Protein backbone atom coordinates (compact mmCIF):
# COMPACT_ATOMS: atom_id res chain seq x y z
CA MET A 1 -0.98 19.85 11.75
CA ARG A 2 0.28 19.09 15.21
CA ASN A 3 3.77 17.60 15.40
CA LYS A 4 2.51 14.58 17.39
CA LYS A 5 -0.05 13.76 14.70
CA VAL A 6 2.56 14.03 11.94
CA ARG A 7 4.87 11.62 13.78
CA GLY A 8 2.00 9.15 14.16
CA LEU A 9 1.17 9.37 10.46
CA ARG A 10 4.81 8.86 9.51
CA ARG A 11 5.05 5.79 11.75
CA LYS A 12 1.83 4.28 10.39
CA THR A 13 2.88 5.00 6.81
CA LYS A 14 6.31 3.43 7.36
CA ASP A 15 4.73 0.32 8.93
CA MET A 16 2.27 0.06 6.05
CA ILE A 17 5.04 0.36 3.44
CA ASN A 18 7.00 -2.37 5.22
CA ARG A 19 3.94 -4.66 5.20
CA ILE A 20 3.37 -4.00 1.49
CA GLU A 21 7.01 -4.73 0.70
CA GLU A 22 6.87 -8.00 2.66
CA GLU A 23 3.66 -9.07 0.94
CA THR A 24 4.95 -8.29 -2.54
CA LYS A 25 8.52 -9.64 -2.29
CA GLU A 26 7.71 -12.76 -4.27
CA PHE A 27 6.31 -11.99 -7.68
CA PRO A 28 3.48 -14.41 -8.49
CA SER A 29 4.34 -16.92 -11.17
CA ASP A 30 0.87 -16.75 -12.66
CA PHE A 31 1.09 -13.10 -13.74
CA GLN A 32 -0.72 -12.48 -17.00
CA LYS A 33 1.07 -9.90 -19.10
CA ILE A 34 -1.90 -9.53 -21.42
CA THR A 35 -4.36 -8.32 -18.79
CA GLY A 36 -1.83 -7.01 -16.31
CA ASN A 37 -3.65 -8.67 -13.41
CA TRP A 38 -2.67 -11.29 -10.88
CA LYS A 39 -4.93 -14.32 -10.86
CA ASN A 40 -4.48 -15.12 -7.19
CA ILE A 41 -3.86 -11.86 -5.37
CA ASN A 42 -4.60 -12.29 -1.69
CA LYS A 43 -7.06 -10.04 0.07
CA LYS A 44 -4.53 -8.66 2.55
CA SER A 45 -2.28 -7.24 -0.18
CA SER A 46 -5.27 -5.85 -2.02
CA LYS A 47 -6.57 -4.08 1.08
CA LEU A 48 -3.12 -2.69 1.90
CA PHE A 49 -2.71 -1.39 -1.63
CA THR A 50 -6.15 0.24 -1.57
CA TYR A 51 -5.41 1.82 1.81
CA PHE A 52 -2.05 3.08 0.56
CA ILE A 53 -3.60 4.68 -2.54
CA ARG A 54 -6.30 6.34 -0.44
CA LEU A 55 -3.68 7.66 1.98
CA ILE A 56 -1.67 9.17 -0.88
CA TYR A 57 -4.84 10.73 -2.32
CA VAL A 58 -5.72 12.33 1.03
CA LYS A 59 -2.18 13.67 1.47
CA VAL A 60 -2.21 15.18 -2.02
CA LEU A 61 -5.51 16.91 -1.29
CA GLU A 62 -4.11 18.35 1.96
CA TYR A 63 -1.29 20.10 0.13
């Protein structure tokens, strides 16, 4: 991979991790331990999490 592309991916990944950390700082009070799901998870966090998982999956496949 070109060095420029790697730097761009690192920057985007770091920004994404920061956004995820900001979105998940406060643990929802309505967490159900039985099901392990949040009742009111917002769409932004869900999309970021999905994107993050896909990014990890792609990186694992590259190596």
